[in-house]
Amino acid sequence: MSKAVRYDGFGGIDVLRVEEVGRPVPAAGQVLVRVKAAGINPSEAAIRRGAVADIFPSTFPSGQGSDLAGVIKEIGPRAGGFRPGDEVIGFSNERASQAELVLV
């Protein structure tokens, strides 16, 4: 199990919670990163509030965050030159960077 920031409906920071989620498993071309730092930018807060739902629709439960820095824990097949232990910075298109473990 791993912990991740999630929310079940649009709103302010009061809708956020930290919950246990299944441990992600990297597929082909993916790496699993143990997150050391994750950011949030104004557009992600707007997504969480529902202010841009017509442009960036959400499904619930949803995660939060795109930017991250951490250490590769595991690699999937064809992950292109990465190794466990590599320090990385990255971006998740899955709104999932605010978690202990993230697939990218």
PDB file of N, CA and C in Angstrom:
ATOM      1  N   MET A   1       0.848  -1.192   0.000  1.00  0.00           N
ATOM      2  CA  MET A   1       0.000   0.000   0.000  1.00  0.00           C
ATOM      3  C   MET A   1       0.887   1.248   0.000  1.00  0.00           C
ATOM      4  N   SER A   2       0.289   2.318  -0.450  1.00  0.00           N
ATOM      5  CA  SER A   2       0.970   3.604  -0.546  1.00  0.00           C
ATOM      6  C   SER A   2      -0.043   4.687  -0.168  1.00  0.00           C
ATOM      7  N   LYS A   3       0.444   5.861   0.176  1.00  0.00           N
ATOM      8  CA  LYS A   3      -0.457   6.975   0.502  1.00  0.00           C
ATOM      9  C   LYS A   3      -0.473   7.973  -0.638  1.00  0.00           C
ATOM     10  N   ALA A   4      -1.662   8.584  -0.843  1.00  0.00           N
ATOM     11  CA  ALA A   4      -1.817   9.571  -1.907  1.00  0.00           C
ATOM     12  C   ALA A   4      -2.859  10.604  -1.495  1.00  0.00           C
ATOM     13  N   VAL A   5      -2.697  11.815  -1.986  1.00  0.00           N
ATOM     14  CA  VAL A   5      -3.698  12.866  -1.796  1.00  0.00           C
ATOM     15  C   VAL A   5      -4.812  12.615  -2.798  1.00  0.00           C
ATOM     16  N   ARG A   6      -6.042  12.602  -2.326  1.00  0.00           N
ATOM     17  CA  ARG A   6      -7.216  12.332  -3.172  1.00  0.00           C
ATOM     18  C   ARG A   6      -8.344  13.282  -2.788  1.00  0.00           C
ATOM     19  N   TYR A   7      -9.327  13.383  -3.685  1.00  0.00           N
ATOM     20  CA  TYR A   7     -10.571  14.101  -3.370  1.00  0.00           C
ATOM     21  C   TYR A   7     -11.710  13.515  -4.183  1.00  0.00           C
ATOM     22  N   ASP A   8     -12.927  13.637  -3.642  1.00  0.00           N
ATOM     23  CA  ASP A   8     -14.109  13.013  -4.238  1.00  0.00           C
ATOM     24  C   ASP A   8     -15.056  13.989  -4.917  1.00  0.00           C
ATOM     25  N   GLY A   9     -14.772  15.268  -4.840  1.00  0.00           N
ATOM     26  CA  GLY A   9     -15.632  16.261  -5.466  1.00  0.00           C
ATOM     27  C   GLY A   9     -14.932  17.600  -5.481  1.00  0.00           C
ATOM     28  N   PHE A  10     -15.423  18.501  -6.311  1.00  0.00           N
ATOM     29  CA  PHE A  10     -14.798  19.813  -6.440  1.00  0.00           C
ATOM     30  C   PHE A  10     -14.876  20.593  -5.137  1.00  0.00           C
ATOM     31  N   GLY A  11     -13.856  21.437  -4.905  1.00  0.00           N
ATOM     32  CA  GLY A  11     -13.862  22.292  -3.732  1.00  0.00           C
ATOM     33  C   GLY A  11     -12.484  22.845  -3.430  1.00  0.00           C
ATOM     34  N   GLY A  12     -12.399  23.473  -2.280  1.00  0.00           N
ATOM     35  CA  GLY A  12     -11.145  24.048  -1.807  1.00  0.00           C
ATOM     36  C   GLY A  12     -10.274  22.973  -1.172  1.00  0.00           C
ATOM     37  N   ILE A  13      -9.294  23.418  -0.405  1.00  0.00           N
ATOM     38  CA  ILE A  13      -8.382  22.457   0.202  1.00  0.00           C
ATOM     39  C   ILE A  13      -9.082  21.550   1.205  1.00  0.00           C
ATOM     40  N   ASP A  14     -10.265  21.942   1.639  1.00  0.00           N
ATOM     41  CA  ASP A  14     -11.008  21.128   2.608  1.00  0.00           C
ATOM     42  C   ASP A  14     -11.491  19.798   2.024  1.00  0.00           C
ATOM     43  N   VAL A  15     -11.498  19.644   0.694  1.00  0.00           N
ATOM     44  CA  VAL A  15     -11.927  18.376   0.098  1.00  0.00           C
ATOM     45  C   VAL A  15     -10.789  17.355   0.020  1.00  0.00           C
ATOM     46  N   LEU A  16      -9.562  17.792   0.272  1.00  0.00           N
ATOM     47  CA  LEU A  16      -8.398  16.908   0.162  1.00  0.00           C
ATOM     48  C   LEU A  16      -8.292  15.973   1.354  1.00  0.00           C
ATOM     49  N   ARG A  17      -7.830  14.751   1.074  1.00  0.00           N
ATOM     50  CA  ARG A  17      -7.555  13.799   2.141  1.00  0.00           C
ATOM     51  C   ARG A  17      -6.366  12.948   1.724  1.00  0.00           C
ATOM     52  N   VAL A  18      -5.696  12.374   2.692  1.00  0.00           N
ATOM     53  CA  VAL A  18      -4.616  11.432   2.420  1.00  0.00           C
ATOM     54  C   VAL A  18      -5.179  10.050   2.693  1.00  0.00           C
ATOM     55  N   GLU A  19      -5.055   9.156   1.708  1.00  0.00           N
ATOM     56  CA  GLU A  19      -5.611   7.817   1.886  1.00  0.00           C
ATOM     57  C   GLU A  19      -4.646   6.752   1.388  1.00  0.00           C
ATOM     58  N   GLU A  20      -4.881   5.548   1.842  1.00  0.00           N
ATOM     59  CA  GLU A  20      -4.123   4.389   1.379  1.00  0.00           C
ATOM     60  C   GLU A  20      -4.647   3.992   0.005  1.00  0.00           C
ATOM     61  N   VAL A  21      -3.722   3.749  -0.913  1.00  0.00           N
ATOM     62  CA  VAL A  21      -4.075   3.305  -2.259  1.00  0.00           C
ATOM     63  C   VAL A  21      -3.209   2.089  -2.596  1.00  0.00           C
ATOM     64  N   GLY A  22      -3.600   1.369  -3.612  1.00  0.00           N
ATOM     65  CA  GLY A  22      -2.803   0.224  -4.040  1.00  0.00           C
ATOM     66  C   GLY A  22      -1.429   0.655  -4.516  1.00  0.00           C
ATOM     67  N   ARG A  23      -0.451  -0.236  -4.361  1.00  0.00           N
ATOM     68  CA  ARG A  23       0.906   0.065  -4.800  1.00  0.00           C
ATOM     69  C   ARG A  23       0.946   0.032  -6.326  1.00  0.00           C
ATOM     70  N   PRO A  24       1.351   1.143  -6.950  1.00  0.00           N
ATOM     71  CA  PRO A  24       1.423   1.161  -8.415  1.00  0.00           C
ATOM     72  C   PRO A  24       2.484   0.187  -8.928  1.00  0.00           C
ATOM     73  N   VAL A  25       2.217  -0.404 -10.091  1.00  0.00           N
ATOM     74  CA  VAL A  25       3.150  -1.332 -10.736  1.00  0.00           C
ATOM     75  C   VAL A  25       3.470  -0.780 -12.120  1.00  0.00           C
ATOM     76  N   PRO A  26       4.753  -0.544 -12.411  1.00  0.00           N
ATOM     77  CA  PRO A  26       5.091   0.046 -13.706  1.00  0.00           C
ATOM     78  C   PRO A  26       4.827  -0.899 -14.877  1.00  0.00           C
ATOM     79  N   ALA A  27       4.208  -0.365 -15.902  1.00  0.00           N
ATOM     80  CA  ALA A  27       3.971  -1.078 -17.152  1.00  0.00           C
ATOM     81  C   ALA A  27       5.122  -0.755 -18.108  1.00  0.00           C
ATOM     82  N   ALA A  28       5.032  -1.231 -19.315  1.00  0.00           N
ATOM     83  CA  ALA A  28       6.066  -0.969 -20.314  1.00  0.00           C
ATOM     84  C   ALA A  28       6.283   0.531 -20.484  1.00  0.00           C
ATOM     85  N   GLY A  29       7.541   0.938 -20.438  1.00  0.00           N
ATOM     86  CA  GLY A  29       7.890   2.339 -20.632  1.00  0.00           C
ATOM     87  C   GLY A  29       7.682   3.227 -19.425  1.00  0.00           C
ATOM     88  N   GLN A  30       7.287   2.674 -18.284  1.00  0.00           N
ATOM     89  CA  GLN A  30       7.041   3.466 -17.072  1.00  0.00           C
ATOM     90  C   GLN A  30       8.090   3.174 -16.014  1.00  0.00           C
ATOM     91  N   VAL A  31       8.262   4.156 -15.130  1.00  0.00           N
ATOM     92  CA  VAL A  31       9.082   3.970 -13.938  1.00  0.00           C
ATOM     93  C   VAL A  31       8.232   4.316 -12.722  1.00  0.00           C
ATOM     94  N   LEU A  32       8.544   3.679 -11.601  1.00  0.00           N
ATOM     95  CA  LEU A  32       7.879   3.970 -10.335  1.00  0.00           C
ATOM     96  C   LEU A  32       8.824   4.844  -9.527  1.00  0.00           C
ATOM     97  N   VAL A  33       8.348   6.021  -9.139  1.00  0.00           N
ATOM     98  CA  VAL A  33       9.162   6.988  -8.418  1.00  0.00           C
ATOM     99  C   VAL A  33       8.671   7.106  -6.983  1.00  0.00           C
ATOM    100  N   ARG A  34       9.624   7.013  -6.029  1.00  0.00           N
ATOM    101  CA  ARG A  34       9.324   7.349  -4.632  1.00  0.00           C
ATOM    102  C   ARG A  34       9.483   8.857  -4.550  1.00  0.00           C
ATOM    103  N   VAL A  35       8.381   9.560  -4.334  1.00  0.00           N
ATOM    104  CA  VAL A  35       8.359  11.022  -4.379  1.00  0.00           C
ATOM    105  C   VAL A  35       9.004  11.603  -3.123  1.00  0.00           C
ATOM    106  N   LYS A  36       9.924  12.540  -3.352  1.00  0.00           N
ATOM    107  CA  LYS A  36      10.557  13.288  -2.259  1.00  0.00           C
ATOM    108  C   LYS A  36       9.936  14.674  -2.133  1.00  0.00           C
ATOM    109  N   ALA A  37       9.477  15.235  -3.273  1.00  0.00           N
ATOM    110  CA  ALA A  37       8.849  16.560  -3.278  1.00  0.00           C
ATOM    111  C   ALA A  37       7.845  16.618  -4.427  1.00  0.00           C
ATOM    112  N   ALA A  38       6.701  17.217  -4.157  1.00  0.00           N
ATOM    113  CA  ALA A  38       5.670  17.412  -5.179  1.00  0.00           C
ATOM    114  C   ALA A  38       5.158  18.833  -5.072  1.00  0.00           C
ATOM    115  N   GLY A  39       4.871  19.420  -6.211  1.00  0.00           N
ATOM    116  CA  GLY A  39       4.391  20.791  -6.216  1.00  0.00           C
ATOM    117  C   GLY A  39       2.928  20.871  -6.601  1.00  0.00           C
ATOM    118  N   ILE A  40       2.394  22.065  -6.461  1.00  0.00           N
ATOM    119  CA  ILE A  40       1.062  22.365  -6.977  1.00  0.00           C
ATOM    120  C   ILE A  40       1.124  23.753  -7.581  1.00  0.00           C
ATOM    121  N   ASN A  41       0.478  23.909  -8.716  1.00  0.00           N
ATOM    122  CA  ASN A  41       0.460  25.219  -9.348  1.00  0.00           C
ATOM    123  C   ASN A  41      -0.988  25.712  -9.435  1.00  0.00           C
ATOM    124  N   PRO A  42      -1.174  26.985  -9.764  1.00  0.00           N
ATOM    125  CA  PRO A  42      -2.531  27.542  -9.765  1.00  0.00           C
ATOM    126  C   PRO A  42      -3.521  26.795 -10.652  1.00  0.00           C
ATOM    127  N   SER A  43      -3.065  26.257 -11.792  1.00  0.00           N
ATOM    128  CA  SER A  43      -4.019  25.563 -12.663  1.00  0.00           C
ATOM    129  C   SER A  43      -4.530  24.279 -12.011  1.00  0.00           C
ATOM    130  N   GLU A  44      -3.681  23.602 -11.238  1.00  0.00           N
ATOM    131  CA  GLU A  44      -4.147  22.393 -10.551  1.00  0.00           C
ATOM    132  C   GLU A  44      -5.173  22.728  -9.468  1.00  0.00           C
ATOM    133  N   ALA A  45      -4.990  23.843  -8.789  1.00  0.00           N
ATOM    134  CA  ALA A  45      -5.985  24.280  -7.811  1.00  0.00           C
ATOM    135  C   ALA A  45      -7.301  24.621  -8.513  1.00  0.00           C
ATOM    136  N   ALA A  46      -7.224  25.214  -9.699  1.00  0.00           N
ATOM    137  CA  ALA A  46      -8.430  25.529 -10.467  1.00  0.00           C
ATOM    138  C   ALA A  46      -9.146  24.254 -10.901  1.00  0.00           C
ATOM    139  N   ILE A  47      -8.370  23.224 -11.288  1.00  0.00           N
ATOM    140  CA  ILE A  47      -8.970  21.937 -11.640  1.00  0.00           C
ATOM    141  C   ILE A  47      -9.706  21.366 -10.439  1.00  0.00           C
ATOM    142  N   ARG A  48      -9.068  21.395  -9.260  1.00  0.00           N
ATOM    143  CA  ARG A  48      -9.692  20.848  -8.052  1.00  0.00           C
ATOM    144  C   ARG A  48     -10.971  21.592  -7.687  1.00  0.00           C
ATOM    145  N   ARG A  49     -10.996  22.899  -7.902  1.00  0.00           N
ATOM    146  CA  ARG A  49     -12.191  23.690  -7.589  1.00  0.00           C
ATOM    147  C   ARG A  49     -13.297  23.509  -8.628  1.00  0.00           C
ATOM    148  N   GLY A  50     -12.960  22.928  -9.802  1.00  0.00           N
ATOM    149  CA  GLY A  50     -13.950  22.755 -10.861  1.00  0.00           C
ATOM    150  C   GLY A  50     -14.076  23.962 -11.759  1.00  0.00           C
ATOM    151  N   ALA A  51     -13.179  24.938 -11.601  1.00  0.00           N
ATOM    152  CA  ALA A  51     -13.261  26.187 -12.367  1.00  0.00           C
ATOM    153  C   ALA A  51     -12.984  25.992 -13.850  1.00  0.00           C
ATOM    154  N   VAL A  52     -12.322  24.904 -14.213  1.00  0.00           N
ATOM    155  CA  VAL A  52     -11.994  24.660 -15.621  1.00  0.00           C
ATOM    156  C   VAL A  52     -12.474  23.272 -16.054  1.00  0.00           C
ATOM    157  N   ALA A  53     -13.577  22.815 -15.477  1.00  0.00           N
ATOM    158  CA  ALA A  53     -14.092  21.468 -15.744  1.00  0.00           C
ATOM    159  C   ALA A  53     -14.453  21.265 -17.212  1.00  0.00           C
ATOM    160  N   ASP A  54     -14.821  22.337 -17.918  1.00  0.00           N
ATOM    161  CA  ASP A  54     -15.143  22.197 -19.342  1.00  0.00           C
ATOM    162  C   ASP A  54     -13.882  21.935 -20.177  1.00  0.00           C
ATOM    163  N   ILE A  55     -12.714  22.341 -19.695  1.00  0.00           N
ATOM    164  CA  ILE A  55     -11.447  22.129 -20.401  1.00  0.00           C
ATOM    165  C   ILE A  55     -10.737  20.874 -19.886  1.00  0.00           C
ATOM    166  N   PHE A  56     -10.715  20.714 -18.547  1.00  0.00           N
ATOM    167  CA  PHE A  56     -10.052  19.589 -17.892  1.00  0.00           C
ATOM    168  C   PHE A  56     -11.070  18.824 -17.050  1.00  0.00           C
ATOM    169  N   PRO A  57     -11.863  17.945 -17.673  1.00  0.00           N
ATOM    170  CA  PRO A  57     -12.869  17.208 -16.908  1.00  0.00           C
ATOM    171  C   PRO A  57     -12.212  16.309 -15.864  1.00  0.00           C
ATOM    172  N   SER A  58     -12.901  16.072 -14.787  1.00  0.00           N
ATOM    173  CA  SER A  58     -12.391  15.238 -13.704  1.00  0.00           C
ATOM    174  C   SER A  58     -13.263  14.016 -13.519  1.00  0.00           C
ATOM    175  N   THR A  59     -12.642  12.949 -13.072  1.00  0.00           N
ATOM    176  CA  THR A  59     -13.356  11.778 -12.597  1.00  0.00           C
ATOM    177  C   THR A  59     -12.978  11.607 -11.134  1.00  0.00           C
ATOM    178  N   PHE A  60     -13.861  11.065 -10.366  1.00  0.00           N
ATOM    179  CA  PHE A  60     -13.618  10.943  -8.928  1.00  0.00           C
ATOM    180  C   PHE A  60     -13.626   9.492  -8.498  1.00  0.00           C
ATOM    181  N   PRO A  61     -12.814   9.108  -7.538  1.00  0.00           N
ATOM    182  CA  PRO A  61     -11.894   9.996  -6.831  1.00  0.00           C
ATOM    183  C   PRO A  61     -10.761  10.434  -7.748  1.00  0.00           C
ATOM    184  N   SER A  62     -10.228  11.607  -7.461  1.00  0.00           N
ATOM    185  CA  SER A  62      -9.139  12.166  -8.256  1.00  0.00           C
ATOM    186  C   SER A  62      -7.938  12.404  -7.371  1.00  0.00           C
ATOM    187  N   GLY A  63      -6.766  12.341  -7.978  1.00  0.00           N
ATOM    188  CA  GLY A  63      -5.541  12.721  -7.291  1.00  0.00           C
ATOM    189  C   GLY A  63      -5.245  14.168  -7.591  1.00  0.00           C
ATOM    190  N   GLN A  64      -4.130  14.642  -7.070  1.00  0.00           N
ATOM    191  CA  GLN A  64      -3.764  16.034  -7.285  1.00  0.00           C
ATOM    192  C   GLN A  64      -2.266  16.139  -7.523  1.00  0.00           C
ATOM    193  N   GLY A  65      -1.891  17.085  -8.352  1.00  0.00           N
ATOM    194  CA  GLY A  65      -0.492  17.399  -8.578  1.00  0.00           C
ATOM    195  C   GLY A  65       0.067  16.802  -9.852  1.00  0.00           C
ATOM    196  N   SER A  66       1.012  17.529 -10.438  1.00  0.00           N
ATOM    197  CA  SER A  66       1.676  17.086 -11.657  1.00  0.00           C
ATOM    198  C   SER A  66       3.193  17.009 -11.492  1.00  0.00           C
ATOM    199  N   ASP A  67       3.790  18.017 -10.871  1.00  0.00           N
ATOM    200  CA  ASP A  67       5.243  18.102 -10.756  1.00  0.00           C
ATOM    201  C   ASP A  67       5.758  17.282  -9.582  1.00  0.00           C
ATOM    202  N   LEU A  68       6.907  16.633  -9.798  1.00  0.00           N
ATOM    203  CA  LEU A  68       7.478  15.815  -8.732  1.00  0.00           C
ATOM    204  C   LEU A  68       8.987  15.692  -8.875  1.00  0.00           C
ATOM    205  N   ALA A  69       9.622  15.346  -7.774  1.00  0.00           N
ATOM    206  CA  ALA A  69      11.035  14.988  -7.735  1.00  0.00           C
ATOM    207  C   ALA A  69      11.160  13.808  -6.798  1.00  0.00           C
ATOM    208  N   GLY A  70      12.041  12.872  -7.153  1.00  0.00           N
ATOM    209  CA  GLY A  70      12.194  11.705  -6.302  1.00  0.00           C
ATOM    210  C   GLY A  70      13.260  10.760  -6.806  1.00  0.00           C
ATOM    211  N   VAL A  71      13.142   9.516  -6.383  1.00  0.00           N
ATOM    212  CA  VAL A  71      14.117   8.484  -6.706  1.00  0.00           C
ATOM    213  C   VAL A  71      13.379   7.303  -7.331  1.00  0.00           C
ATOM    214  N   ILE A  72      13.914   6.795  -8.431  1.00  0.00           N
ATOM    215  CA  ILE A  72      13.293   5.644  -9.078  1.00  0.00           C
ATOM    216  C   ILE A  72      13.419   4.424  -8.181  1.00  0.00           C
ATOM    217  N   LYS A  73      12.294   3.802  -7.922  1.00  0.00           N
ATOM    218  CA  LYS A  73      12.232   2.608  -7.084  1.00  0.00           C
ATOM    219  C   LYS A  73      12.206   1.344  -7.932  1.00  0.00           C
ATOM    220  N   GLU A  74      11.501   1.408  -9.071  1.00  0.00           N
ATOM    221  CA  GLU A  74      11.310   0.227  -9.907  1.00  0.00           C
ATOM    222  C   GLU A  74      11.111   0.677 -11.348  1.00  0.00           C
ATOM    223  N   ILE A  75      11.515  -0.150 -12.296  1.00  0.00           N
ATOM    224  CA  ILE A  75      11.320   0.186 -13.707  1.00  0.00           C
ATOM    225  C   ILE A  75      10.487  -0.895 -14.385  1.00  0.00           C
ATOM    226  N   GLY A  76       9.708  -0.468 -15.350  1.00  0.00           N
ATOM    227  CA  GLY A  76       8.956  -1.407 -16.164  1.00  0.00           C
ATOM    228  C   GLY A  76       9.768  -1.789 -17.391  1.00  0.00           C
ATOM    229  N   PRO A  77       9.297  -2.754 -18.167  1.00  0.00           N
ATOM    230  CA  PRO A  77       9.982  -3.135 -19.397  1.00  0.00           C
ATOM    231  C   PRO A  77      10.125  -1.928 -20.339  1.00  0.00           C
ATOM    232  N   ARG A  78      11.217  -1.859 -21.038  1.00  0.00           N
ATOM    233  CA  ARG A  78      11.470  -0.795 -22.016  1.00  0.00           C
ATOM    234  C   ARG A  78      11.383   0.602 -21.412  1.00  0.00           C
ATOM    235  N   ALA A  79      11.915   0.769 -20.205  1.00  0.00           N
ATOM    236  CA  ALA A  79      11.866   2.074 -19.534  1.00  0.00           C
ATOM    237  C   ALA A  79      13.014   2.990 -19.939  1.00  0.00           C
ATOM    238  N   GLY A  80      13.766   2.636 -20.938  1.00  0.00           N
ATOM    239  CA  GLY A  80      14.691   3.555 -21.591  1.00  0.00           C
ATOM    240  C   GLY A  80      15.849   4.101 -20.786  1.00  0.00           C
ATOM    241  N   GLY A  81      16.687   3.267 -20.249  1.00  0.00           N
ATOM    242  CA  GLY A  81      17.929   3.735 -19.645  1.00  0.00           C
ATOM    243  C   GLY A  81      17.847   4.180 -18.199  1.00  0.00           C
ATOM    244  N   PHE A  82      16.729   4.042 -17.572  1.00  0.00           N
ATOM    245  CA  PHE A  82      16.608   4.382 -16.153  1.00  0.00           C
ATOM    246  C   PHE A  82      16.952   3.173 -15.299  1.00  0.00           C
ATOM    247  N   ARG A  83      17.413   3.443 -14.083  1.00  0.00           N
ATOM    248  CA  ARG A  83      17.735   2.377 -13.138  1.00  0.00           C
ATOM    249  C   ARG A  83      17.195   2.727 -11.757  1.00  0.00           C
ATOM    250  N   PRO A  84      16.847   1.723 -10.971  1.00  0.00           N
ATOM    251  CA  PRO A  84      16.479   2.002  -9.577  1.00  0.00           C
ATOM    252  C   PRO A  84      17.612   2.773  -8.893  1.00  0.00           C
ATOM    253  N   GLY A  85      17.224   3.773  -8.122  1.00  0.00           N
ATOM    254  CA  GLY A  85      18.192   4.620  -7.435  1.00  0.00           C
ATOM    255  C   GLY A  85      18.481   5.921  -8.150  1.00  0.00           C
ATOM    256  N   ASP A  86      18.113   6.032  -9.450  1.00  0.00           N
ATOM    257  CA  ASP A  86      18.305   7.287 -10.177  1.00  0.00           C
ATOM    258  C   ASP A  86      17.435   8.377  -9.571  1.00  0.00           C
ATOM    259  N   GLU A  87      18.016   9.556  -9.357  1.00  0.00           N
ATOM    260  CA  GLU A  87      17.249  10.713  -8.907  1.00  0.00           C
ATOM    261  C   GLU A  87      16.656  11.393 -10.131  1.00  0.00           C
ATOM    262  N   VAL A  88      15.387  11.754 -10.062  1.00  0.00           N
ATOM    263  CA  VAL A  88      14.686  12.311 -11.216  1.00  0.00           C
ATOM    264  C   VAL A  88      13.785  13.471 -10.823  1.00  0.00           C
ATOM    265  N   ILE A  89      13.500  14.318 -11.795  1.00  0.00           N
ATOM    266  CA  ILE A  89      12.400  15.273 -11.701  1.00  0.00           C
ATOM    267  C   ILE A  89      11.454  14.902 -12.829  1.00  0.00           C
ATOM    268  N   GLY A  90      10.172  15.149 -12.634  1.00  0.00           N
ATOM    269  CA  GLY A  90       9.246  14.725 -13.657  1.00  0.00           C
ATOM    270  C   GLY A  90       7.896  15.384 -13.549  1.00  0.00           C
ATOM    271  N   PHE A  91       6.997  14.883 -14.393  1.00  0.00           N
ATOM    272  CA  PHE A  91       5.657  15.429 -14.536  1.00  0.00           C
ATOM    273  C   PHE A  91       4.707  14.267 -14.779  1.00  0.00           C
ATOM    274  N   SER A  92       3.589  14.262 -14.079  1.00  0.00           N
ATOM    275  CA  SER A  92       2.571  13.238 -14.270  1.00  0.00           C
ATOM    276  C   SER A  92       1.349  13.859 -14.934  1.00  0.00           C
ATOM    277  N   ASN A  93       0.901  13.250 -16.014  1.00  0.00           N
ATOM    278  CA  ASN A  93      -0.330  13.698 -16.662  1.00  0.00           C
ATOM    279  C   ASN A  93      -1.567  13.125 -15.977  1.00  0.00           C
ATOM    280  N   GLU A  94      -1.380  12.347 -14.927  1.00  0.00           N
ATOM    281  CA  GLU A  94      -2.479  11.641 -14.272  1.00  0.00           C
ATOM    282  C   GLU A  94      -3.010  12.342 -13.025  1.00  0.00           C
ATOM    283  N   ARG A  95      -2.572  13.570 -12.767  1.00  0.00           N
ATOM    284  CA  ARG A  95      -2.963  14.277 -11.535  1.00  0.00           C
ATOM    285  C   ARG A  95      -2.677  13.395 -10.320  1.00  0.00           C
ATOM    286  N   ALA A  96      -1.421  13.007 -10.190  1.00  0.00           N
ATOM    287  CA  ALA A  96      -1.098  12.004  -9.171  1.00  0.00           C
ATOM    288  C   ALA A  96       0.218  12.241  -8.456  1.00  0.00           C
ATOM    289  N   SER A  97       0.866  13.386  -8.633  1.00  0.00           N
ATOM    290  CA  SER A  97       2.213  13.540  -8.081  1.00  0.00           C
ATOM    291  C   SER A  97       2.241  13.701  -6.564  1.00  0.00           C
ATOM    292  N   GLN A  98       1.141  14.052  -5.959  1.00  0.00           N
ATOM    293  CA  GLN A  98       1.125  14.212  -4.507  1.00  0.00           C
ATOM    294  C   GLN A  98       0.793  12.878  -3.859  1.00  0.00           C
ATOM    295  N   ALA A  99       1.805  11.996  -3.896  1.00  0.00           N
ATOM    296  CA  ALA A  99       1.676  10.639  -3.386  1.00  0.00           C
ATOM    297  C   ALA A  99       3.064  10.112  -3.027  1.00  0.00           C
ATOM    298  N   GLU A 100       3.095   9.043  -2.272  1.00  0.00           N
ATOM    299  CA  GLU A 100       4.388   8.456  -1.932  1.00  0.00           C
ATOM    300  C   GLU A 100       5.044   7.792  -3.144  1.00  0.00           C
ATOM    301  N   LEU A 101       4.251   7.112  -3.958  1.00  0.00           N
ATOM    302  CA  LEU A 101       4.742   6.406  -5.136  1.00  0.00           C
ATOM    303  C   LEU A 101       3.941   6.834  -6.355  1.00  0.00           C
ATOM    304  N   VAL A 102       4.641   7.169  -7.448  1.00  0.00           N
ATOM    305  CA  VAL A 102       3.977   7.668  -8.643  1.00  0.00           C
ATOM    306  C   VAL A 102       4.557   6.990  -9.879  1.00  0.00           C
ATOM    307  N   LEU A 103       3.685   6.606 -10.800  1.00  0.00           N
ATOM    308  CA  LEU A 103       4.116   6.088 -12.094  1.00  0.00           C
ATOM    309  C   LEU A 103       4.284   7.243 -13.071  1.00  0.00           C
ATOM    310  N   VAL A 104       5.405   7.244 -13.777  1.00  0.00           N
ATOM    311  CA  VAL A 104       5.625   8.222 -14.856  1.00  0.00           C
ATOM    312  C   VAL A 104       6.291   7.532 -16.011  1.00  0.00           C
TER     313      VAL A 104
END
